[in-house]
Amino acid sequence: MVAAGGIALVVEVVVTMRGRRVARLVPVDEVDPLADLRARGLVREPTAPRSPRTRRARLKAAGPVSDLVADQRR
């Protein structure tokens, strides 16, 4: 953000928990914030491509679930 007169305004919010700093929120000025995180060593690229998720088979119920709940409450 640029304030009147061309002065850059930087807003920073510090989050504390019981007086200790736990997070710092700053505006994103990078075109690619992920590239900045990679350069700082905070994230890394995956070593292998993700494997596709397999769908699990649906379970067949012997009766309505409401009957099971009613039995458990007795």
N, C-alpha and C. Protein backbone atom coordinates (compact mmCIF):
# COMPACT_ATOMS: atom_id res chain seq x y z
N MET A 1 0.84 -1.16 0.00
CA MET A 1 0.00 0.00 0.00
C MET A 1 0.89 1.23 0.00
N VAL A 2 0.51 2.26 -0.74
CA VAL A 2 1.30 3.49 -0.78
C VAL A 2 0.43 4.61 -0.25
N ALA A 3 0.93 5.30 0.76
CA ALA A 3 0.20 6.42 1.37
C ALA A 3 0.43 7.68 0.55
N ALA A 4 -0.24 8.75 0.93
CA ALA A 4 -0.10 10.04 0.23
C ALA A 4 1.35 10.49 0.29
N GLY A 5 1.84 11.02 -0.79
CA GLY A 5 3.21 11.51 -0.85
C GLY A 5 4.21 10.44 -1.27
N GLY A 6 3.72 9.26 -1.67
CA GLY A 6 4.59 8.21 -2.17
C GLY A 6 5.33 7.44 -1.09
N ILE A 7 4.92 7.59 0.16
CA ILE A 7 5.56 6.86 1.26
C ILE A 7 4.92 5.48 1.34
N ALA A 8 5.73 4.44 1.35
CA ALA A 8 5.20 3.07 1.43
C ALA A 8 4.74 2.81 2.86
N LEU A 9 3.54 2.28 2.98
CA LEU A 9 2.97 1.95 4.28
C LEU A 9 3.03 0.44 4.45
N VAL A 10 3.76 -0.01 5.47
CA VAL A 10 3.88 -1.43 5.75
C VAL A 10 3.11 -1.73 7.02
N VAL A 11 2.14 -2.64 6.91
CA VAL A 11 1.34 -3.02 8.07
C VAL A 11 1.79 -4.40 8.51
N GLU A 12 2.08 -4.51 9.78
CA GLU A 12 2.49 -5.79 10.33
C GLU A 12 1.67 -6.05 11.58
N VAL A 13 1.15 -7.26 11.69
CA VAL A 13 0.38 -7.66 12.87
C VAL A 13 1.14 -8.80 13.53
N VAL A 14 1.40 -8.64 14.82
CA VAL A 14 2.10 -9.68 15.58
C VAL A 14 1.07 -10.37 16.47
N VAL A 15 0.98 -11.67 16.34
CA VAL A 15 0.06 -12.47 17.15
C VAL A 15 0.85 -13.04 18.32
N THR A 16 0.31 -12.83 19.52
CA THR A 16 0.99 -13.35 20.70
C THR A 16 0.07 -14.31 21.45
N MET A 17 0.69 -15.22 22.15
CA MET A 17 -0.04 -16.14 23.02
C MET A 17 0.65 -16.07 24.38
N ARG A 18 -0.07 -15.53 25.36
CA ARG A 18 0.48 -15.35 26.71
C ARG A 18 1.78 -14.56 26.69
N GLY A 19 1.81 -13.53 25.86
CA GLY A 19 2.97 -12.64 25.80
C GLY A 19 4.09 -13.09 24.89
N ARG A 20 4.02 -14.29 24.32
CA ARG A 20 5.07 -14.78 23.41
C ARG A 20 4.61 -14.63 21.97
N ARG A 21 5.50 -14.20 21.11
CA ARG A 21 5.18 -14.07 19.68
C ARG A 21 5.02 -15.46 19.08
N VAL A 22 3.88 -15.69 18.43
CA VAL A 22 3.65 -16.98 17.79
C VAL A 22 3.47 -16.85 16.29
N ALA A 23 3.15 -15.65 15.81
CA ALA A 23 2.97 -15.45 14.37
C ALA A 23 3.16 -13.98 14.03
N ARG A 24 3.53 -13.75 12.79
CA ARG A 24 3.67 -12.39 12.28
C ARG A 24 2.97 -12.34 10.93
N LEU A 25 2.00 -11.45 10.80
CA LEU A 25 1.26 -11.31 9.55
C LEU A 25 1.74 -10.06 8.84
N VAL A 26 2.21 -10.23 7.62
CA VAL A 26 2.69 -9.11 6.82
C VAL A 26 2.07 -9.19 5.43
N PRO A 27 1.94 -8.06 4.75
CA PRO A 27 1.37 -8.10 3.41
C PRO A 27 2.29 -8.85 2.44
N VAL A 28 1.70 -9.46 1.44
CA VAL A 28 2.45 -10.19 0.43
C VAL A 28 2.80 -9.23 -0.70
N ASP A 29 4.10 -8.97 -0.88
CA ASP A 29 4.50 -8.11 -1.98
C ASP A 29 5.14 -8.88 -3.11
N GLU A 30 5.37 -10.13 -2.93
CA GLU A 30 5.97 -10.95 -3.98
C GLU A 30 4.91 -11.36 -5.00
N VAL A 31 5.33 -11.54 -6.24
CA VAL A 31 4.43 -12.06 -7.25
C VAL A 31 4.12 -13.52 -6.95
N ASP A 32 5.13 -14.25 -6.51
CA ASP A 32 4.96 -15.66 -6.17
C ASP A 32 5.42 -15.89 -4.72
N PRO A 33 4.49 -15.83 -3.75
CA PRO A 33 4.91 -16.02 -2.37
C PRO A 33 5.50 -17.40 -2.09
N LEU A 34 5.10 -18.40 -2.86
CA LEU A 34 5.64 -19.74 -2.68
C LEU A 34 7.13 -19.78 -3.02
N ALA A 35 7.54 -19.04 -4.04
CA ALA A 35 8.96 -18.96 -4.40
C ALA A 35 9.77 -18.34 -3.26
N ASP A 36 9.21 -17.35 -2.59
CA ASP A 36 9.89 -16.73 -1.45
C ASP A 36 10.05 -17.74 -0.32
N LEU A 37 9.02 -18.53 -0.04
CA LEU A 37 9.10 -19.55 1.01
C LEU A 37 10.13 -20.62 0.66
N ARG A 38 10.20 -21.00 -0.62
CA ARG A 38 11.21 -21.98 -1.07
C ARG A 38 12.61 -21.42 -0.86
N ALA A 39 12.81 -20.15 -1.22
CA ALA A 39 14.13 -19.53 -1.12
C ALA A 39 14.58 -19.43 0.34
N ARG A 40 13.64 -19.23 1.25
CA ARG A 40 13.97 -19.12 2.66
C ARG A 40 14.06 -20.49 3.34
N GLY A 41 13.79 -21.56 2.60
CA GLY A 41 13.91 -22.91 3.13
C GLY A 41 12.76 -23.32 4.04
N LEU A 42 11.63 -22.63 3.94
CA LEU A 42 10.49 -22.95 4.80
C LEU A 42 9.59 -24.02 4.19
N VAL A 43 9.61 -24.17 2.88
CA VAL A 43 8.88 -25.24 2.20
C VAL A 43 9.79 -25.85 1.15
N ARG A 44 9.46 -27.04 0.72
CA ARG A 44 10.25 -27.68 -0.34
C ARG A 44 9.32 -28.37 -1.32
N GLU A 45 9.82 -28.62 -2.48
CA GLU A 45 9.05 -29.30 -3.52
C GLU A 45 8.87 -30.76 -3.15
N PRO A 46 7.80 -31.39 -3.59
CA PRO A 46 7.63 -32.82 -3.30
C PRO A 46 8.70 -33.64 -4.02
N THR A 47 9.08 -34.75 -3.39
CA THR A 47 10.12 -35.59 -3.99
C THR A 47 9.54 -36.54 -5.04
N ALA A 48 8.26 -36.83 -4.96
CA ALA A 48 7.61 -37.73 -5.92
C ALA A 48 6.22 -37.20 -6.23
N PRO A 49 5.72 -37.50 -7.42
CA PRO A 49 4.36 -37.04 -7.73
C PRO A 49 3.34 -37.74 -6.83
N ARG A 50 2.25 -37.06 -6.60
CA ARG A 50 1.18 -37.64 -5.78
C ARG A 50 0.56 -38.83 -6.46
N SER A 51 0.31 -39.85 -5.68
CA SER A 51 -0.37 -41.01 -6.25
C SER A 51 -1.87 -40.75 -6.25
N PRO A 52 -2.57 -41.25 -7.25
CA PRO A 52 -4.02 -41.01 -7.29
C PRO A 52 -4.70 -41.73 -6.14
N ARG A 53 -5.73 -41.08 -5.60
CA ARG A 53 -6.47 -41.69 -4.49
C ARG A 53 -7.36 -42.79 -5.02
N THR A 54 -7.42 -43.86 -4.27
CA THR A 54 -8.30 -44.95 -4.65
C THR A 54 -9.60 -44.82 -3.88
N ARG A 55 -10.69 -45.09 -4.53
CA ARG A 55 -11.99 -45.01 -3.87
C ARG A 55 -12.23 -46.27 -3.06
N ARG A 56 -12.74 -46.09 -1.89
CA ARG A 56 -13.06 -47.22 -1.04
C ARG A 56 -14.46 -47.71 -1.38
N ALA A 57 -14.65 -49.01 -1.25
CA ALA A 57 -15.95 -49.60 -1.53
C ALA A 57 -16.95 -49.16 -0.45
N ARG A 58 -18.16 -48.88 -0.87
CA ARG A 58 -19.22 -48.50 0.08
C ARG A 58 -19.65 -49.70 0.88
N LEU A 59 -19.91 -49.48 2.14
CA LEU A 59 -20.39 -50.54 3.00
C LEU A 59 -21.90 -50.66 2.85
N LYS A 60 -22.39 -51.89 2.87
CA LYS A 60 -23.83 -52.14 2.82
C LYS A 60 -24.32 -52.33 4.25
N ALA A 61 -25.30 -51.55 4.64
CA ALA A 61 -25.86 -51.66 5.98
C ALA A 61 -26.95 -52.72 6.00
N ALA A 62 -27.01 -53.46 7.10
CA ALA A 62 -28.04 -54.50 7.24
C ALA A 62 -29.40 -53.88 7.58
N GLY A 63 -29.37 -52.70 8.17
CA GLY A 63 -30.61 -52.02 8.55
C GLY A 63 -30.34 -50.54 8.68
N PRO A 64 -31.35 -49.78 9.03
CA PRO A 64 -31.15 -48.35 9.18
C PRO A 64 -30.25 -48.02 10.37
N VAL A 65 -29.49 -46.97 10.26
CA VAL A 65 -28.57 -46.56 11.30
C VAL A 65 -29.35 -46.11 12.54
N SER A 66 -30.53 -45.56 12.35
CA SER A 66 -31.32 -45.10 13.49
C SER A 66 -31.65 -46.25 14.43
N ASP A 67 -31.86 -47.47 13.90
CA ASP A 67 -32.11 -48.63 14.76
C ASP A 67 -30.88 -48.96 15.60
N LEU A 68 -29.69 -48.85 15.01
CA LEU A 68 -28.46 -49.10 15.76
C LEU A 68 -28.29 -48.09 16.89
N VAL A 69 -28.56 -46.83 16.60
CA VAL A 69 -28.43 -45.79 17.61
C VAL A 69 -29.43 -46.03 18.74
N ALA A 70 -30.66 -46.38 18.39
CA ALA A 70 -31.68 -46.62 19.40
C ALA A 70 -31.29 -47.81 20.28
N ASP A 71 -30.69 -48.85 19.71
CA ASP A 71 -30.25 -50.01 20.49
C ASP A 71 -29.13 -49.63 21.45
N GLN A 72 -28.22 -48.77 21.02
CA GLN A 72 -27.10 -48.38 21.87
C GLN A 72 -27.53 -47.49 23.02
N ARG A 73 -28.63 -46.79 22.86
CA ARG A 73 -29.10 -45.89 23.92
C ARG A 73 -29.89 -46.62 25.00
N ARG A 74 -30.22 -47.85 24.76
CA ARG A 74 -30.99 -48.61 25.76
C ARG A 74 -30.11 -49.22 26.79
